[in-house]
């Protein structure tokens, strides 16, 4: 392959890549008839108010009641203001109506109940994009998994001499120390034969992937479902604060560039990267990840893995040659971001029950149109895509 290569990324299932930004509840309204959230500029909103409305708005804001402000915005929004429109799930519409019908609500609770996280977007164009760092991170994880498998390294913390025997006998301490003493970082350094200064991934450059044509997003919920029964584990679904995300919809296409620079002499990089090894590792790892996900989705949750079906339908003849599976973004699953054979995943079981520590996750996070769906119909896994070489 060339040193600078153009790729397309085909989205197969909902993708959310956080950007530390949210839809402010006082800067949008939801049109329940059109199923759209309309985000507007607050300055434009104030400008559109008449004198009487502005006086009322000042009084409402002085009460320091977020709920009152939200109600005022909904009642006085003028469609002529316009704004950015985003599709919303039906459950979000009903959720919004319930908030508007409340008689009282403290500020902290209402923010927690109705925080809508934006996916990464260009602040100039308001269009979503895929950060190059997300793609690079997935490539790195896949490559490390293949290296660990070839070297037959398992439970690295037991042989790293970074934990005492007493630590190893305490699962909670082991879980904390893996991060605290950077045992996972030591494993990466061992596999890549280098620290930051001579890490071969310094030579891998991945641009941000920009939208090709029209790319649509949708606001959905993330819901949790058990994928297996563990002895001693409760089967209650995770509750608490709602998780509401803007996701990039399946069918979207993005385009960007990936290059591998050759290390300078004396750089200390012992095993430079190359496209063939990177992308064969990428596909091998995520294809295995996909295969392990299909069975519990089908057999336990009775969910058809549409992303897997679409991948095989559209790219089967190109896989391992010009097309490669990848998984990116929030709720891709612990197995997609950790090294097989060296996982120590904390499984929370709810109140008054100690956590479990396993080498696998026991739940799926799935995109849903409802915060508490009564059936699993329509639930979708997050993060699946295919990255395709453009010749």
Protein backbone atom coordinates (compact mmCIF):
# COMPACT_ATOMS: atom_id res chain seq x y z
CA UNK A 1 0.00 0.00 0.00
CA UNK A 2 1.00 3.65 -0.45
CA UNK A 3 2.27 5.61 2.54
CA UNK A 4 -0.78 7.93 2.35
CA UNK A 5 -4.05 6.13 1.77
CA UNK A 6 -7.61 7.36 1.40
CA UNK A 7 -10.37 5.43 3.16
CA UNK A 8 -14.13 5.54 3.49
CA UNK A 9 -15.82 4.63 6.73
CA UNK A 10 -19.28 3.06 6.37
CA UNK A 11 -21.45 3.27 9.50
CA UNK A 12 -23.31 -0.01 10.19
CA UNK A 13 -24.84 0.70 13.60
CA UNK A 14 -25.41 3.82 15.74
CA UNK A 15 -22.16 5.57 16.66
CA UNK A 16 -21.71 8.15 19.41
CA UNK A 17 -18.31 9.77 19.93
CA UNK A 18 -18.47 12.25 22.77
CA UNK A 19 -17.25 15.84 22.46
CA UNK A 20 -17.95 17.17 25.98
CA UNK A 21 -20.92 19.12 24.67
CA UNK A 22 -24.64 18.73 25.24
CA UNK A 23 -27.90 20.10 23.92
CA UNK A 24 -28.71 22.80 26.46
CA UNK A 25 -32.36 22.43 27.57
CA UNK A 26 -32.91 26.19 27.23
CA UNK A 27 -31.54 26.27 23.67
CA UNK A 28 -33.84 23.80 21.96
CA UNK A 29 -37.45 22.82 21.54
CA UNK A 30 -38.89 19.53 20.32
CA UNK A 31 -41.49 19.44 17.58
CA UNK A 32 -43.50 16.34 18.49
CA UNK A 33 -45.37 16.32 15.19
CA UNK A 34 -42.23 16.27 13.05
CA UNK A 35 -40.17 14.25 15.53
CA UNK A 36 -37.39 16.82 15.52
CA UNK A 37 -35.27 18.63 18.06
CA UNK A 38 -34.58 22.20 16.93
CA UNK A 39 -31.46 23.76 18.41
CA UNK A 40 -31.38 27.55 18.09
CA UNK A 41 -29.11 30.44 19.04
CA UNK A 42 -30.35 31.89 22.38
CA UNK A 43 -29.55 35.40 21.12
CA UNK A 44 -31.84 34.86 18.13
CA UNK A 45 -34.54 33.65 20.52
CA UNK A 46 -34.33 36.79 22.69
CA UNK A 47 -34.30 39.05 19.63
CA UNK A 48 -37.53 37.47 18.39
CA UNK A 49 -39.39 38.25 21.64
CA UNK A 50 -41.61 41.33 21.83
CA UNK A 51 -41.25 43.79 24.68
CA UNK A 52 -43.85 42.11 26.87
CA UNK A 53 -42.29 38.67 26.32
CA UNK A 54 -38.82 39.98 27.15
CA UNK A 55 -40.03 41.42 30.43
CA UNK A 56 -41.64 38.09 31.30
CA UNK A 57 -38.48 36.24 30.26
CA UNK A 58 -36.40 38.41 32.61
CA UNK A 59 -38.78 37.63 35.49
CA UNK A 60 -38.66 33.89 34.71
CA UNK A 61 -34.85 33.86 34.59
CA UNK A 62 -34.60 35.78 37.87
CA UNK A 63 -36.41 32.96 39.68
CA UNK A 64 -33.49 30.62 39.00
CA UNK A 65 -35.94 27.90 38.01
CA UNK A 66 -34.62 25.93 35.05
CA UNK A 67 -37.98 24.24 34.60
CA UNK A 68 -39.73 27.62 34.26
CA UNK A 69 -37.20 28.74 31.65
CA UNK A 70 -37.71 25.53 29.63
CA UNK A 71 -41.48 26.02 29.71
CA UNK A 72 -41.16 29.65 28.65
CA UNK A 73 -38.87 28.73 25.75
CA UNK A 74 -41.28 26.06 24.52
CA UNK A 75 -44.28 28.40 24.75
CA UNK A 76 -42.59 31.35 23.03
CA UNK A 77 -40.34 29.78 20.41
CA UNK A 78 -41.00 31.25 16.96
CA UNK A 79 -40.44 28.82 14.06
CA UNK A 80 -39.08 31.74 12.03
CA UNK A 81 -36.00 31.65 14.28
CA UNK A 82 -35.03 28.38 12.62
CA UNK A 83 -32.14 26.32 13.90
CA UNK A 84 -30.41 22.97 13.49
CA UNK A 85 -32.84 20.07 13.26
CA UNK A 86 -32.11 16.59 14.58
CA UNK A 87 -34.35 13.52 14.51
CA UNK A 88 -35.44 12.33 17.95
CA UNK A 89 -36.73 8.96 19.14
CA UNK A 90 -40.36 8.76 20.21
CA UNK A 91 -39.35 8.08 23.79
CA UNK A 92 -37.42 11.35 23.90
CA UNK A 93 -40.51 13.21 22.71
CA UNK A 94 -42.62 11.70 25.50
CA UNK A 95 -39.82 12.38 27.98
CA UNK A 96 -39.78 16.06 26.92
CA UNK A 97 -43.56 16.32 27.33
CA UNK A 98 -43.34 14.90 30.86
CA UNK A 99 -40.70 17.47 31.79
CA UNK A 100 -42.92 20.28 30.48
CA UNK A 101 -45.87 18.98 32.51
CA UNK A 102 -43.97 18.95 35.81
CA UNK A 103 -45.03 21.48 38.43
CA UNK A 104 -41.64 21.58 40.19
CA UNK A 105 -38.19 20.12 39.76
CA UNK A 106 -34.83 21.08 41.23
CA UNK A 107 -32.18 22.25 38.77
CA UNK A 108 -29.70 19.40 39.37
CA UNK A 109 -32.32 16.69 38.91
CA UNK A 110 -33.77 18.10 35.72
CA UNK A 111 -30.31 18.41 34.18
CA UNK A 112 -29.50 14.80 35.12
CA UNK A 113 -32.86 13.59 33.84
CA UNK A 114 -32.64 15.30 30.48
CA UNK A 115 -29.00 15.67 29.48
CA UNK A 116 -28.60 15.00 25.75
CA UNK A 117 -24.99 14.33 24.77
CA UNK A 118 -23.87 15.55 21.36
CA UNK A 119 -21.74 13.44 19.07
CA UNK A 120 -18.53 15.01 17.71
CA UNK A 121 -19.32 17.81 15.28
CA UNK A 122 -17.65 20.64 13.39
CA UNK A 123 -18.46 23.89 15.17
CA UNK A 124 -18.37 25.83 11.88
CA UNK A 125 -20.67 23.56 9.87
CA UNK A 126 -22.55 21.76 12.67
CA UNK A 127 -21.94 18.54 10.75
CA UNK A 128 -20.81 15.37 12.55
CA UNK A 129 -17.41 13.86 11.88
CA UNK A 130 -15.36 10.88 13.06
CA UNK A 131 -12.26 11.99 15.02
CA UNK A 132 -9.07 10.41 13.74
CA UNK A 133 -8.11 9.63 17.33
CA UNK A 134 -11.09 7.25 17.64
CA UNK A 135 -10.06 5.31 14.55
CA UNK A 136 -6.42 5.24 15.61
CA UNK A 137 -7.39 3.96 19.06
CA UNK A 138 -9.37 1.09 17.56
CA UNK A 139 -6.51 0.17 15.23
CA UNK A 140 -4.10 0.20 18.15
CA UNK A 141 -6.32 -2.00 20.32
CA UNK A 142 -6.71 -4.56 17.52
CA UNK A 143 -2.97 -4.65 16.83
CA UNK A 144 -2.13 -5.10 20.52
CA UNK A 145 -4.60 -7.98 20.74
CA UNK A 146 -2.95 -9.81 17.87
CA UNK A 147 0.54 -9.25 19.33
CA UNK A 148 -0.58 -10.57 22.73
CA UNK A 149 -2.16 -13.62 21.11
CA UNK A 150 1.00 -14.41 19.13
CA UNK A 151 3.16 -14.01 22.24
CA UNK A 152 0.70 -16.11 24.27
CA UNK A 153 0.59 -13.49 27.03
CA UNK A 154 -2.28 -13.94 29.47
CA UNK A 155 -3.04 -12.38 32.87
CA UNK A 156 0.00 -10.14 32.48
CA UNK A 157 -0.41 -8.59 35.93
CA UNK A 158 0.37 -11.97 37.55
CA UNK A 159 3.82 -12.12 35.96
CA UNK A 160 4.61 -8.40 35.86
CA UNK A 161 6.02 -8.24 39.42
CA UNK A 162 4.07 -5.00 39.86
CA UNK A 163 1.61 -6.56 42.30
CA UNK A 164 2.32 -8.41 45.55
CA UNK A 165 0.85 -11.82 46.26
CA UNK A 166 -1.52 -10.18 48.72
CA UNK A 167 -2.70 -7.77 46.02
CA UNK A 168 -3.32 -10.62 43.62
CA UNK A 169 -5.55 -12.36 46.14
CA UNK A 170 -7.81 -9.29 46.40
CA UNK A 171 -9.84 -8.71 43.25
CA UNK A 172 -10.73 -5.13 44.19
CA UNK A 173 -7.09 -4.21 44.76
CA UNK A 174 -6.07 -5.95 41.54
CA UNK A 175 -8.69 -4.00 39.60
CA UNK A 176 -7.52 -0.67 41.01
CA UNK A 177 -3.82 -1.42 40.74
CA UNK A 178 -4.02 -2.43 37.09
CA UNK A 179 -4.75 1.21 36.41
CA UNK A 180 -2.96 2.81 39.35
CA UNK A 181 0.38 1.13 38.66
CA UNK A 182 -0.22 1.32 34.90
CA UNK A 183 0.11 -2.41 34.45
CA UNK A 184 -1.91 -2.20 31.24
CA UNK A 185 0.53 0.44 29.99
CA UNK A 186 3.45 -1.84 30.83
CA UNK A 187 1.82 -4.58 28.77
CA UNK A 188 1.49 -2.24 25.79
CA UNK A 189 5.15 -1.28 26.11
CA UNK A 190 6.15 -4.93 26.22
CA UNK A 191 4.11 -5.78 23.12
CA UNK A 192 5.26 -2.76 21.11
CA UNK A 193 8.85 -2.93 22.42
CA UNK A 194 8.93 0.72 23.31
CA UNK A 195 7.71 3.55 25.52
CA UNK A 196 6.18 6.84 24.34
CA UNK A 197 9.32 8.15 22.66
CA UNK A 198 9.82 4.99 20.62
CA UNK A 199 6.23 3.80 20.34
CA UNK A 200 5.70 2.74 16.71
CA UNK A 201 2.18 4.21 16.73
CA UNK A 202 3.77 7.66 16.75
CA UNK A 203 4.33 7.03 13.06
CA UNK A 204 0.64 6.31 12.37
CA UNK A 205 -1.27 9.43 11.31
CA UNK A 206 -5.05 9.33 11.00
CA UNK A 207 -6.98 12.37 9.80
CA UNK A 208 -10.46 13.21 10.97
CA UNK A 209 -13.04 11.49 8.74
CA UNK A 210 -15.47 14.00 7.21
CA UNK A 211 -19.00 13.30 5.97
CA UNK A 212 -19.63 12.23 2.39
CA UNK A 213 -22.98 13.57 1.20
CA UNK A 214 -25.77 13.93 3.74
CA UNK A 215 -25.07 12.37 7.12
CA UNK A 216 -27.97 12.16 9.56
CA UNK A 217 -27.98 11.86 13.31
CA UNK A 218 -30.66 10.82 15.78
CA UNK A 219 -31.18 11.23 19.51
CA UNK A 220 -31.72 7.88 21.25
CA UNK A 221 -31.39 6.19 24.62
CA UNK A 222 -28.71 3.73 25.67
CA UNK A 223 -30.23 0.79 27.56
CA UNK A 224 -28.52 -2.13 29.26
CA UNK A 225 -29.30 -5.80 28.69
CA UNK A 226 -27.79 -8.94 30.23
CA UNK A 227 -26.15 -11.28 27.74
CA UNK A 228 -25.49 -14.17 30.09
CA UNK A 229 -26.35 -15.47 33.53
CA UNK A 230 -23.45 -15.49 35.99
CA UNK A 231 -23.66 -17.58 39.16
CA UNK A 232 -24.44 -15.28 42.07
CA UNK A 233 -25.15 -12.27 39.85
CA UNK A 234 -28.44 -10.42 39.92
CA UNK A 235 -30.30 -10.03 36.63
CA UNK A 236 -31.78 -6.58 37.23
CA UNK A 237 -31.22 -4.09 34.45
CA UNK A 238 -29.07 -1.06 35.21
CA UNK A 239 -31.11 1.93 36.26
CA UNK A 240 -30.34 5.41 37.50
CA UNK A 241 -29.77 8.47 35.33
CA UNK A 242 -31.02 8.26 31.76
CA UNK A 243 -28.37 8.00 29.07
CA UNK A 244 -29.46 10.02 26.04
CA UNK A 245 -27.11 10.33 23.08
CA UNK A 246 -27.00 11.83 19.65
CA UNK A 247 -25.80 9.06 17.34
CA UNK A 248 -24.69 8.90 13.73
CA UNK A 249 -27.24 6.80 11.89
CA UNK A 250 -26.39 3.59 9.98
CA UNK A 251 -25.83 4.18 6.28
CA UNK A 252 -23.71 7.29 6.84
CA UNK A 253 -20.36 7.50 5.04
CA UNK A 254 -17.21 9.41 6.00
CA UNK A 255 -13.87 9.83 4.28
CA UNK A 256 -10.35 10.48 5.51
CA UNK A 257 -6.67 9.64 5.16
CA UNK A 258 -4.28 7.33 6.97
CA UNK A 259 -0.52 7.38 6.60
CA UNK A 260 2.44 5.58 8.13
CA UNK A 261 5.66 7.55 8.35
CA UNK A 262 9.00 5.79 8.33
CA UNK A 263 10.91 6.27 11.60
CA UNK A 264 14.16 8.17 11.50
CA UNK A 265 17.39 6.31 12.07
CA UNK A 266 18.14 6.17 15.77
CA UNK A 267 14.49 6.66 16.75
CA UNK A 268 14.55 3.48 18.80
CA UNK A 269 11.48 2.07 17.08
CA UNK A 270 12.35 -1.61 16.76
CA UNK A 271 9.36 -2.86 14.75
CA UNK A 272 7.88 -0.21 12.42
CA UNK A 273 4.24 -0.51 11.43
CA UNK A 274 2.97 -1.38 7.98
CA UNK A 275 -0.50 -1.28 6.46
CA UNK A 276 -0.78 -5.01 5.77
CA UNK A 277 -0.14 -6.04 9.39
CA UNK A 278 -2.25 -3.26 10.85
CA UNK A 279 -5.35 -3.88 8.79
CA UNK A 280 -5.21 -7.67 8.85
CA UNK A 281 -5.03 -7.35 12.65
CA UNK A 282 -7.89 -4.85 12.62
CA UNK A 283 -10.26 -7.09 10.72
CA UNK A 284 -9.25 -10.28 12.53
CA UNK A 285 -9.84 -8.78 15.97
CA UNK A 286 -13.16 -7.08 15.27
CA UNK A 287 -14.51 -9.96 13.19
CA UNK A 288 -13.95 -12.16 16.24
CA UNK A 289 -15.58 -9.50 18.41
CA UNK A 290 -18.60 -9.43 16.09
CA UNK A 291 -18.94 -13.23 16.00
CA UNK A 292 -18.95 -13.42 19.80
CA UNK A 293 -21.64 -10.75 19.95
CA UNK A 294 -24.02 -12.31 17.43
CA UNK A 295 -24.84 -15.47 19.40
CA UNK A 296 -25.99 -13.91 22.71
CA UNK A 297 -27.88 -11.21 20.84
CA UNK A 298 -29.71 -13.83 18.80
CA UNK A 299 -30.19 -16.56 21.40
CA UNK A 300 -30.58 -14.65 24.67
CA UNK A 301 -32.10 -11.33 23.58
CA UNK A 302 -33.70 -12.48 20.31
CA UNK A 303 -32.14 -9.52 18.49
CA UNK A 304 -31.08 -9.81 14.87
CA UNK A 305 -27.57 -8.40 14.44
CA UNK A 306 -28.35 -6.15 11.48
CA UNK A 307 -24.86 -4.61 11.44
CA UNK A 308 -23.30 -8.04 10.98
CA UNK A 309 -25.79 -8.92 8.26
CA UNK A 310 -25.14 -5.67 6.41
CA UNK A 311 -21.38 -6.11 6.72
CA UNK A 312 -21.47 -9.54 5.10
CA UNK A 313 -24.00 -8.51 2.46
CA UNK A 314 -22.12 -5.42 1.30
CA UNK A 315 -18.47 -6.22 1.94
CA UNK A 316 -18.01 -9.99 2.17
CA UNK A 317 -16.00 -10.20 -1.06
CA UNK A 318 -13.82 -7.24 -0.04
CA UNK A 319 -13.02 -8.27 3.53
CA UNK A 320 -9.30 -8.63 4.33
CA UNK A 321 -8.44 -7.10 0.95
CA UNK A 322 -9.99 -3.66 0.69
CA UNK A 323 -12.49 -3.59 3.58
CA UNK A 324 -12.02 -4.16 7.30
CA UNK A 325 -14.36 -4.31 10.27
CA UNK A 326 -13.86 -1.72 13.00
CA UNK A 327 -15.68 -0.63 16.14
CA UNK A 328 -15.56 2.91 17.50
CA UNK A 329 -17.28 5.21 19.95
CA UNK A 330 -19.20 5.01 23.22
CA UNK A 331 -20.65 1.71 24.42
CA UNK A 332 -18.62 -0.41 22.00
CA UNK A 333 -18.19 -2.93 24.82
CA UNK A 334 -15.29 -3.76 27.13
CA UNK A 335 -14.04 -6.53 24.83
CA UNK A 336 -13.55 -4.01 22.00
CA UNK A 337 -11.24 -1.76 24.01
CA UNK A 338 -9.17 -4.25 26.02
CA UNK A 339 -6.61 -6.98 25.35
CA UNK A 340 -7.96 -10.52 25.24
CA UNK A 341 -6.56 -12.82 27.89
CA UNK A 342 -5.58 -9.82 30.01
CA UNK A 343 -8.97 -8.42 30.94
CA UNK A 344 -10.04 -7.70 34.50
CA UNK A 345 -13.50 -6.18 34.08
CA UNK A 346 -15.49 -4.92 37.02
CA UNK A 347 -19.12 -6.09 36.95
CA UNK A 348 -21.39 -4.01 39.15
CA UNK A 349 -24.34 -5.87 40.67
CA UNK A 350 -26.34 -3.12 42.30
CA UNK A 351 -26.74 -2.01 45.87
CA UNK A 352 -25.49 -4.10 48.80
CA UNK A 353 -23.83 -6.66 46.52
CA UNK A 354 -20.08 -6.87 45.94
CA UNK A 355 -18.85 -6.47 42.35
CA UNK A 356 -17.56 -9.35 40.27
CA UNK A 357 -14.28 -9.29 38.33
CA UNK A 358 -14.34 -11.22 35.08
CA UNK A 359 -12.46 -11.54 31.81
CA UNK A 360 -15.58 -10.54 29.88
CA UNK A 361 -18.50 -8.16 30.08
CA UNK A 362 -21.90 -9.58 30.97
CA UNK A 363 -24.07 -6.88 29.45
CA UNK A 364 -24.75 -5.08 26.19
CA UNK A 365 -25.45 -1.38 25.86
CA UNK A 366 -27.93 -0.95 23.04
CA UNK A 367 -29.48 1.99 21.22
CA UNK A 368 -33.20 2.31 21.91
CA UNK A 369 -36.08 4.58 20.98
CA UNK A 370 -37.43 4.20 24.51
CA UNK A 371 -35.78 4.61 27.94
CA UNK A 372 -37.46 1.42 29.20
CA UNK A 373 -38.40 -0.72 26.18
CA UNK A 374 -40.85 -3.49 26.95
CA UNK A 375 -39.36 -5.73 24.25
CA UNK A 376 -35.95 -6.00 22.61
CA UNK A 377 -37.35 -5.37 19.14
CA UNK A 378 -35.46 -2.58 17.42
CA UNK A 379 -32.54 -2.44 19.85
CA UNK A 380 -29.18 -1.97 18.12
CA UNK A 381 -25.57 -2.44 19.26
CA UNK A 382 -23.33 0.61 19.15
CA UNK A 383 -20.19 1.34 17.19
CA UNK A 384 -19.97 -1.00 14.20
CA UNK A 385 -18.46 0.23 10.92
CA UNK A 386 -16.41 -0.90 7.94
CA UNK A 387 -13.35 1.01 6.84
CA UNK A 388 -12.78 0.63 3.09
CA UNK A 389 -9.73 1.41 0.98
CA UNK A 390 -10.42 3.90 -1.80
CA UNK A 391 -8.34 3.03 -4.87
